[in-house]
Structure formats: C-alpha cells, structure tokens
PDB file of all heavy atoms in Angstrom:
ATOM      1  N   LEU A   1     -11.401 -12.502 -17.093  1.00  0.00           N
ATOM      2  CA  LEU A   1     -11.055 -12.969 -15.754  1.00  0.00           C
ATOM      3  C   LEU A   1      -9.651 -13.561 -15.694  1.00  0.00           C
ATOM      4  O   LEU A   1      -9.096 -13.712 -14.608  1.00  0.00           O
ATOM      5  CB  LEU A   1     -12.081 -13.992 -15.278  1.00  0.00           C
ATOM      6  CG  LEU A   1     -13.518 -13.464 -15.169  1.00  0.00           C
ATOM      7  CD1 LEU A   1     -14.467 -14.601 -14.830  1.00  0.00           C
ATOM      8  CD2 LEU A   1     -13.613 -12.348 -14.156  1.00  0.00           C
ATOM      9  N   ASN A   2      -9.077 -13.883 -16.829  1.00  0.00           N
ATOM     10  CA  ASN A   2      -7.740 -14.482 -16.848  1.00  0.00           C
ATOM     11  C   ASN A   2      -6.796 -13.772 -17.813  1.00  0.00           C
ATOM     12  O   ASN A   2      -5.906 -13.071 -17.400  1.00  0.00           O
ATOM     13  CB  ASN A   2      -7.805 -15.975 -17.201  1.00  0.00           C
ATOM     14  CG  ASN A   2      -8.389 -16.809 -16.096  1.00  0.00           C
ATOM     15  OD1 ASN A   2      -8.095 -16.583 -14.934  1.00  0.00           O
ATOM     16  ND2 ASN A   2      -9.231 -17.754 -16.441  1.00  0.00           N
ATOM     17  N   LEU A   3      -7.004 -13.986 -19.094  1.00  0.00           N
ATOM     18  CA  LEU A   3      -6.044 -13.529 -20.093  1.00  0.00           C
ATOM     19  C   LEU A   3      -6.482 -12.267 -20.822  1.00  0.00           C
ATOM     20  O   LEU A   3      -7.615 -12.195 -21.295  1.00  0.00           O
ATOM     21  CB  LEU A   3      -5.812 -14.640 -21.128  1.00  0.00           C
ATOM     22  CG  LEU A   3      -5.312 -15.962 -20.576  1.00  0.00           C
ATOM     23  CD1 LEU A   3      -5.261 -17.015 -21.668  1.00  0.00           C
ATOM     24  CD2 LEU A   3      -3.948 -15.784 -19.941  1.00  0.00           C
ATOM     25  N   PRO A   4      -5.602 -11.292 -20.956  1.00  0.00           N
ATOM     26  CA  PRO A   4      -5.969 -10.074 -21.673  1.00  0.00           C
ATOM     27  C   PRO A   4      -6.092 -10.288 -23.184  1.00  0.00           C
ATOM     28  O   PRO A   4      -6.742  -9.509 -23.863  1.00  0.00           O
ATOM     29  CB  PRO A   4      -4.806  -9.127 -21.359  1.00  0.00           C
ATOM     30  CG  PRO A   4      -3.657 -10.024 -21.101  1.00  0.00           C
ATOM     31  CD  PRO A   4      -4.245 -11.252 -20.445  1.00  0.00           C
ATOM     32  N   TYR A   5      -5.508 -11.345 -23.698  1.00  0.00           N
ATOM     33  CA  TYR A   5      -5.479 -11.582 -25.140  1.00  0.00           C
ATOM     34  C   TYR A   5      -6.849 -11.862 -25.743  1.00  0.00           C
ATOM     35  O   TYR A   5      -7.016 -11.771 -26.950  1.00  0.00           O
ATOM     36  CB  TYR A   5      -4.548 -12.748 -25.466  1.00  0.00           C
ATOM     37  CG  TYR A   5      -3.149 -12.545 -24.976  1.00  0.00           C
ATOM     38  CD1 TYR A   5      -2.680 -13.241 -23.877  1.00  0.00           C
ATOM     39  CD2 TYR A   5      -2.297 -11.641 -25.606  1.00  0.00           C
ATOM     40  CE1 TYR A   5      -1.387 -13.057 -23.413  1.00  0.00           C
ATOM     41  CE2 TYR A   5      -1.008 -11.446 -25.150  1.00  0.00           C
ATOM     42  CZ  TYR A   5      -0.557 -12.163 -24.047  1.00  0.00           C
ATOM     43  OH  TYR A   5       0.718 -11.963 -23.600  1.00  0.00           O
ATOM     44  N   ASP A   6      -7.834 -12.193 -24.917  1.00  0.00           N
ATOM     45  CA  ASP A   6      -9.169 -12.490 -25.436  1.00  0.00           C
ATOM     46  C   ASP A   6      -9.740 -11.331 -26.245  1.00  0.00           C
ATOM     47  O   ASP A   6     -10.536 -11.541 -27.158  1.00  0.00           O
ATOM     48  CB  ASP A   6     -10.128 -12.844 -24.299  1.00  0.00           C
ATOM     49  CG  ASP A   6      -9.839 -14.197 -23.689  1.00  0.00           C
ATOM     50  OD1 ASP A   6      -9.022 -14.954 -24.258  1.00  0.00           O
ATOM     51  OD2 ASP A   6     -10.435 -14.499 -22.638  1.00  0.00           O
ATOM     52  N   ILE A   7      -9.336 -10.113 -25.945  1.00  0.00           N
ATOM     53  CA  ILE A   7      -9.867  -8.961 -26.671  1.00  0.00           C
ATOM     54  C   ILE A   7      -9.609  -9.068 -28.171  1.00  0.00           C
ATOM     55  O   ILE A   7     -10.372  -8.567 -28.983  1.00  0.00           O
ATOM     56  CB  ILE A   7      -9.337  -7.616 -26.128  1.00  0.00           C
ATOM     57  CG1 ILE A   7     -10.191  -6.468 -26.678  1.00  0.00           C
ATOM     58  CG2 ILE A   7      -7.866  -7.451 -26.444  1.00  0.00           C
ATOM     59  CD1 ILE A   7      -9.950  -5.132 -26.046  1.00  0.00           C
ATOM     60  N   ASN A   8      -8.558  -9.756 -28.539  1.00  0.00           N
ATOM     61  CA  ASN A   8      -8.233  -9.913 -29.961  1.00  0.00           C
ATOM     62  C   ASN A   8      -9.262 -10.762 -30.701  1.00  0.00           C
ATOM     63  O   ASN A   8      -9.297 -10.751 -31.924  1.00  0.00           O
ATOM     64  CB  ASN A   8      -6.839 -10.520 -30.125  1.00  0.00           C
ATOM     65  CG  ASN A   8      -5.762  -9.607 -29.595  1.00  0.00           C
ATOM     66  OD1 ASN A   8      -5.867  -8.394 -29.675  1.00  0.00           O
ATOM     67  ND2 ASN A   8      -4.732 -10.187 -29.015  1.00  0.00           N
ATOM     68  N   GLN A   9     -10.092 -11.481 -29.958  1.00  0.00           N
ATOM     69  CA  GLN A   9     -11.112 -12.338 -30.558  1.00  0.00           C
ATOM     70  C   GLN A   9     -12.429 -11.603 -30.783  1.00  0.00           C
ATOM     71  O   GLN A   9     -13.277 -12.073 -31.524  1.00  0.00           O
ATOM     72  CB  GLN A   9     -11.381 -13.549 -29.660  1.00  0.00           C
ATOM     73  CG  GLN A   9     -10.161 -14.370 -29.332  1.00  0.00           C
ATOM     74  CD  GLN A   9      -9.538 -14.964 -30.574  1.00  0.00           C
ATOM     75  OE1 GLN A   9     -10.233 -15.496 -31.431  1.00  0.00           O
ATOM     76  NE2 GLN A   9      -8.224 -14.870 -30.677  1.00  0.00           N
ATOM     77  N   TYR A  10     -12.596 -10.452 -30.127  1.00  0.00           N
ATOM     78  CA  TYR A  10     -13.871  -9.754 -30.170  1.00  0.00           C
ATOM     79  C   TYR A  10     -13.908  -8.719 -31.286  1.00  0.00           C
ATOM     80  O   TYR A  10     -12.883  -8.241 -31.750  1.00  0.00           O
ATOM     81  CB  TYR A  10     -14.160  -9.068 -28.833  1.00  0.00           C
ATOM     82  CG  TYR A  10     -14.193 -10.011 -27.661  1.00  0.00           C
ATOM     83  CD1 TYR A  10     -13.457  -9.762 -26.526  1.00  0.00           C
ATOM     84  CD2 TYR A  10     -14.959 -11.171 -27.698  1.00  0.00           C
ATOM     85  CE1 TYR A  10     -13.487 -10.629 -25.442  1.00  0.00           C
ATOM     86  CE2 TYR A  10     -14.988 -12.042 -26.625  1.00  0.00           C
ATOM     87  CZ  TYR A  10     -14.251 -11.759 -25.496  1.00  0.00           C
ATOM     88  OH  TYR A  10     -14.279 -12.627 -24.445  1.00  0.00           O
ATOM     89  N   SER A  11     -15.115  -8.343 -31.630  1.00  0.00           N
ATOM     90  CA  SER A  11     -15.358  -7.309 -32.622  1.00  0.00           C
ATOM     91  C   SER A  11     -14.770  -5.980 -32.142  1.00  0.00           C
ATOM     92  O   SER A  11     -14.719  -5.714 -30.942  1.00  0.00           O
ATOM     93  CB  SER A  11     -16.866  -7.175 -32.821  1.00  0.00           C
ATOM     94  OG  SER A  11     -17.171  -5.989 -33.486  1.00  0.00           O
ATOM     95  N   PRO A  12     -14.367  -5.121 -33.074  1.00  0.00           N
ATOM     96  CA  PRO A  12     -13.897  -3.782 -32.686  1.00  0.00           C
ATOM     97  C   PRO A  12     -14.977  -2.934 -32.007  1.00  0.00           C
ATOM     98  O   PRO A  12     -14.680  -1.871 -31.482  1.00  0.00           O
ATOM     99  CB  PRO A  12     -13.476  -3.147 -34.014  1.00  0.00           C
ATOM    100  CG  PRO A  12     -13.240  -4.289 -34.937  1.00  0.00           C
ATOM    101  CD  PRO A  12     -14.166  -5.383 -34.494  1.00  0.00           C
ATOM    102  N   THR A  13     -16.211  -3.409 -31.993  1.00  0.00           N
ATOM    103  CA  THR A  13     -17.287  -2.666 -31.322  1.00  0.00           C
ATOM    104  C   THR A  13     -17.227  -2.814 -29.804  1.00  0.00           C
ATOM    105  O   THR A  13     -17.987  -2.154 -29.098  1.00  0.00           O
ATOM    106  CB  THR A  13     -18.675  -3.104 -31.831  1.00  0.00           C
ATOM    107  OG1 THR A  13     -18.836  -4.509 -31.637  1.00  0.00           O
ATOM    108  CG2 THR A  13     -18.851  -2.766 -33.302  1.00  0.00           C
ATOM    109  N   VAL A  14     -16.342  -3.663 -29.288  1.00  0.00           N
ATOM    110  CA  VAL A  14     -16.149  -3.777 -27.836  1.00  0.00           C
ATOM    111  C   VAL A  14     -15.261  -2.602 -27.416  1.00  0.00           C
ATOM    112  O   VAL A  14     -14.076  -2.560 -27.725  1.00  0.00           O
ATOM    113  CB  VAL A  14     -15.505  -5.123 -27.445  1.00  0.00           C
ATOM    114  CG1 VAL A  14     -15.140  -5.139 -25.965  1.00  0.00           C
ATOM    115  CG2 VAL A  14     -16.436  -6.272 -27.770  1.00  0.00           C
ATOM    116  N   ASN A  15     -15.876  -1.643 -26.730  1.00  0.00           N
ATOM    117  CA  ASN A  15     -15.176  -0.412 -26.351  1.00  0.00           C
ATOM    118  C   ASN A  15     -14.690  -0.391 -24.914  1.00  0.00           C
ATOM    119  O   ASN A  15     -13.837   0.410 -24.568  1.00  0.00           O
ATOM    120  CB  ASN A  15     -16.109   0.792 -26.556  1.00  0.00           C
ATOM    121  CG  ASN A  15     -16.491   0.969 -27.996  1.00  0.00           C
ATOM    122  OD1 ASN A  15     -15.662   0.881 -28.881  1.00  0.00           O
ATOM    123  ND2 ASN A  15     -17.763   1.223 -28.236  1.00  0.00           N
ATOM    124  N   ASN A  16     -15.247  -1.255 -24.076  1.00  0.00           N
ATOM    125  CA  ASN A  16     -14.935  -1.245 -22.646  1.00  0.00           C
ATOM    126  C   ASN A  16     -14.449  -2.627 -22.237  1.00  0.00           C
ATOM    127  O   ASN A  16     -15.239  -3.561 -22.135  1.00  0.00           O
ATOM    128  CB  ASN A  16     -16.182  -0.867 -21.839  1.00  0.00           C
ATOM    129  CG  ASN A  16     -16.775   0.440 -22.317  1.00  0.00           C
ATOM    130  OD1 ASN A  16     -16.158   1.483 -22.183  1.00  0.00           O
ATOM    131  ND2 ASN A  16     -17.958   0.386 -22.897  1.00  0.00           N
ATOM    132  N   TYR A  17     -13.161  -2.737 -21.992  1.00  0.00           N
ATOM    133  CA  TYR A  17     -12.543  -4.036 -21.726  1.00  0.00           C
ATOM    134  C   TYR A  17     -11.646  -3.915 -20.503  1.00  0.00           C
ATOM    135  O   TYR A  17     -10.779  -3.039 -20.438  1.00  0.00           O
ATOM    136  CB  TYR A  17     -11.732  -4.465 -22.946  1.00  0.00           C
ATOM    137  CG  TYR A  17     -11.182  -5.862 -22.884  1.00  0.00           C
ATOM    138  CD1 TYR A  17     -11.990  -6.963 -23.130  1.00  0.00           C
ATOM    139  CD2 TYR A  17      -9.850  -6.092 -22.597  1.00  0.00           C
ATOM    140  CE1 TYR A  17     -11.497  -8.245 -23.096  1.00  0.00           C
ATOM    141  CE2 TYR A  17      -9.334  -7.384 -22.558  1.00  0.00           C
ATOM    142  CZ  TYR A  17     -10.162  -8.446 -22.809  1.00  0.00           C
ATOM    143  OH  TYR A  17      -9.660  -9.729 -22.771  1.00  0.00           O
ATOM    144  N   ILE A  18     -11.876  -4.793 -19.539  1.00  0.00           N
ATOM    145  CA  ILE A  18     -11.093  -4.810 -18.306  1.00  0.00           C
ATOM    146  C   ILE A  18     -10.555  -6.224 -18.125  1.00  0.00           C
ATOM    147  O   ILE A  18     -11.277  -7.197 -18.299  1.00  0.00           O
ATOM    148  CB  ILE A  18     -11.972  -4.451 -17.086  1.00  0.00           C
ATOM    149  CG1 ILE A  18     -12.566  -3.056 -17.253  1.00  0.00           C
ATOM    150  CG2 ILE A  18     -11.170  -4.564 -15.796  1.00  0.00           C
ATOM    151  CD1 ILE A  18     -13.648  -2.737 -16.240  1.00  0.00           C
ATOM    152  N   CYS A  19      -9.300  -6.319 -17.754  1.00  0.00           N
ATOM    153  CA  CYS A  19      -8.722  -7.633 -17.450  1.00  0.00           C
ATOM    154  C   CYS A  19      -8.254  -7.629 -16.005  1.00  0.00           C
ATOM    155  O   CYS A  19      -7.519  -6.736 -15.585  1.00  0.00           O
ATOM    156  CB  CYS A  19      -7.548  -7.951 -18.373  1.00  0.00           C
ATOM    157  SG  CYS A  19      -6.880  -9.597 -18.069  1.00  0.00           S
ATOM    158  N   ILE A  20      -8.696  -8.636 -15.238  1.00  0.00           N
ATOM    159  CA  ILE A  20      -8.271  -8.722 -13.839  1.00  0.00           C
ATOM    160  C   ILE A  20      -7.191  -9.798 -13.631  1.00  0.00           C
ATOM    161  O   ILE A  20      -6.716  -9.974 -12.528  1.00  0.00           O
ATOM    162  CB  ILE A  20      -9.461  -8.926 -12.880  1.00  0.00           C
ATOM    163  CG1 ILE A  20     -10.176 -10.251 -13.112  1.00  0.00           C
ATOM    164  CG2 ILE A  20     -10.417  -7.757 -12.971  1.00  0.00           C
ATOM    165  CD1 ILE A  20     -11.214 -10.570 -12.039  1.00  0.00           C
ATOM    166  N   TYR A  21      -6.827 -10.518 -14.677  1.00  0.00           N
ATOM    167  CA  TYR A  21      -5.705 -11.456 -14.699  1.00  0.00           C
ATOM    168  C   TYR A  21      -5.857 -12.705 -13.840  1.00  0.00           C
ATOM    169  O   TYR A  21      -5.121 -13.656 -14.012  1.00  0.00           O
ATOM    170  CB  TYR A  21      -4.391 -10.758 -14.351  1.00  0.00           C
ATOM    171  CG  TYR A  21      -3.968  -9.770 -15.404  1.00  0.00           C
ATOM    172  CD1 TYR A  21      -4.278  -8.426 -15.285  1.00  0.00           C
ATOM    173  CD2 TYR A  21      -3.298 -10.187 -16.541  1.00  0.00           C
ATOM    174  CE1 TYR A  21      -3.908  -7.519 -16.254  1.00  0.00           C
ATOM    175  CE2 TYR A  21      -2.917  -9.289 -17.523  1.00  0.00           C
ATOM    176  CZ  TYR A  21      -3.227  -7.957 -17.364  1.00  0.00           C
ATOM    177  OH  TYR A  21      -2.864  -7.067 -18.332  1.00  0.00           O
ATOM    178  N   GLU A  22      -6.757 -12.734 -12.898  1.00  0.00           N
ATOM    179  CA  GLU A  22      -6.987 -13.951 -12.122  1.00  0.00           C
ATOM    180  C   GLU A  22      -8.369 -13.907 -11.496  1.00  0.00           C
ATOM    181  O   GLU A  22      -8.844 -12.853 -11.085  1.00  0.00           O
ATOM    182  CB  GLU A  22      -5.938 -14.137 -11.031  1.00  0.00           C
ATOM    183  CG  GLU A  22      -5.954 -13.064  -9.964  1.00  0.00           C
ATOM    184  CD  GLU A  22      -4.917 -13.290  -8.883  1.00  0.00           C
ATOM    185  OE1 GLU A  22      -3.751 -12.924  -9.103  1.00  0.00           O
ATOM    186  OE2 GLU A  22      -5.293 -13.847  -7.835  1.00  0.00           O
ATOM    187  N   TYR A  23      -8.997 -15.042 -11.452  1.00  0.00           N
ATOM    188  CA  TYR A  23     -10.338 -15.151 -10.879  1.00  0.00           C
ATOM    189  C   TYR A  23     -10.195 -15.609  -9.438  1.00  0.00           C
ATOM    190  O   TYR A  23     -10.295 -16.783  -9.116  1.00  0.00           O
ATOM    191  CB  TYR A  23     -11.172 -16.123 -11.714  1.00  0.00           C
ATOM    192  CG  TYR A  23     -12.610 -16.227 -11.286  1.00  0.00           C
ATOM    193  CD1 TYR A  23     -13.409 -15.095 -11.215  1.00  0.00           C
ATOM    194  CD2 TYR A  23     -13.169 -17.447 -10.962  1.00  0.00           C
ATOM    195  CE1 TYR A  23     -14.737 -15.182 -10.834  1.00  0.00           C
ATOM    196  CE2 TYR A  23     -14.501 -17.544 -10.580  1.00  0.00           C
ATOM    197  CZ  TYR A  23     -15.270 -16.408 -10.517  1.00  0.00           C
ATOM    198  OH  TYR A  23     -16.579 -16.492 -10.140  1.00  0.00           O
ATOM    199  N   SER A  24      -9.899 -14.644  -8.569  1.00  0.00           N
ATOM    200  CA  SER A  24      -9.724 -14.936  -7.149  1.00  0.00           C
ATOM    201  C   SER A  24     -10.618 -13.982  -6.357  1.00  0.00           C
ATOM    202  O   SER A  24     -11.021 -12.934  -6.866  1.00  0.00           O
ATOM    203  CB  SER A  24      -8.257 -14.741  -6.748  1.00  0.00           C
ATOM    204  OG  SER A  24      -7.904 -13.373  -6.870  1.00  0.00           O
ATOM    205  N   PRO A  25     -10.929 -14.320  -5.115  1.00  0.00           N
ATOM    206  CA  PRO A  25     -11.807 -13.452  -4.325  1.00  0.00           C
ATOM    207  C   PRO A  25     -11.293 -12.009  -4.222  1.00  0.00           C
ATOM    208  O   PRO A  25     -12.073 -11.067  -4.318  1.00  0.00           O
ATOM    209  CB  PRO A  25     -11.847 -14.130  -2.956  1.00  0.00           C
ATOM    210  CG  PRO A  25     -11.618 -15.580  -3.265  1.00  0.00           C
ATOM    211  CD  PRO A  25     -10.631 -15.575  -4.411  1.00  0.00           C
ATOM    212  N   ILE A  26     -10.009 -11.819  -4.036  1.00  0.00           N
ATOM    213  CA  ILE A  26      -9.484 -10.457  -3.890  1.00  0.00           C
ATOM    214  C   ILE A  26      -9.632  -9.660  -5.189  1.00  0.00           C
ATOM    215  O   ILE A  26      -9.966  -8.474  -5.171  1.00  0.00           O
ATOM    216  CB  ILE A  26      -8.011 -10.461  -3.398  1.00  0.00           C
ATOM    217  CG1 ILE A  26      -7.635  -9.074  -2.903  1.00  0.00           C
ATOM    218  CG2 ILE A  26      -7.059 -10.941  -4.467  1.00  0.00           C
ATOM    219  CD1 ILE A  26      -6.349  -9.036  -2.096  1.00  0.00           C
ATOM    220  N   MET A  27      -9.420 -10.305  -6.337  1.00  0.00           N
ATOM    221  CA  MET A  27      -9.550  -9.599  -7.608  1.00  0.00           C
ATOM    222  C   MET A  27     -11.017  -9.337  -7.952  1.00  0.00           C
ATOM    223  O   MET A  27     -11.354  -8.290  -8.497  1.00  0.00           O
ATOM    224  CB  MET A  27      -8.860 -10.372  -8.726  1.00  0.00           C
ATOM    225  CG  MET A  27      -7.342 -10.398  -8.589  1.00  0.00           C
ATOM    226  SD  MET A  27      -6.597  -8.766  -8.423  1.00  0.00           S
ATOM    227  CE  MET A  27      -6.897  -8.098 -10.042  1.00  0.00           C
ATOM    228  N   VAL A  28     -11.894 -10.281  -7.636  1.00  0.00           N
ATOM    229  CA  VAL A  28     -13.321 -10.078  -7.889  1.00  0.00           C
ATOM    230  C   VAL A  28     -13.844  -8.943  -7.008  1.00  0.00           C
ATOM    231  O   VAL A  28     -14.638  -8.109  -7.457  1.00  0.00           O
ATOM    232  CB  VAL A  28     -14.114 -11.385  -7.683  1.00  0.00           C
ATOM    233  CG1 VAL A  28     -15.611 -11.133  -7.713  1.00  0.00           C
ATOM    234  CG2 VAL A  28     -13.712 -12.410  -8.743  1.00  0.00           C
ATOM    235  N   ASN A  29     -13.374  -8.868  -5.769  1.00  0.00           N
ATOM    236  CA  ASN A  29     -13.764  -7.777  -4.888  1.00  0.00           C
ATOM    237  C   ASN A  29     -13.258  -6.434  -5.438  1.00  0.00           C
ATOM    238  O   ASN A  29     -13.985  -5.437  -5.437  1.00  0.00           O
ATOM    239  CB  ASN A  29     -13.249  -7.996  -3.468  1.00  0.00           C
ATOM    240  CG  ASN A  29     -13.775  -6.946  -2.520  1.00  0.00           C
ATOM    241  OD1 ASN A  29     -14.962  -6.694  -2.446  1.00  0.00           O
ATOM    242  ND2 ASN A  29     -12.865  -6.303  -1.802  1.00  0.00           N
TER     243      ASN A  29
END
C-alpha cells in the first residue's frame, strides 16, 4: 500500500506483487 521495497523482505515464492504507492481512496478504487 505504500513502499515497493517491501518485496525484498518476502520469500522468492511471492510471485504476484502490486504496489499502489499510497493508501488513498482513489488508489484503493
């Protein structure tokens, strides 16, 4: 919901990763 860098913390088994860069109504929509 904020930072794309979080993916570096997850296991390589995470295959589907989306970053919306901000948790705002327009981005959640």
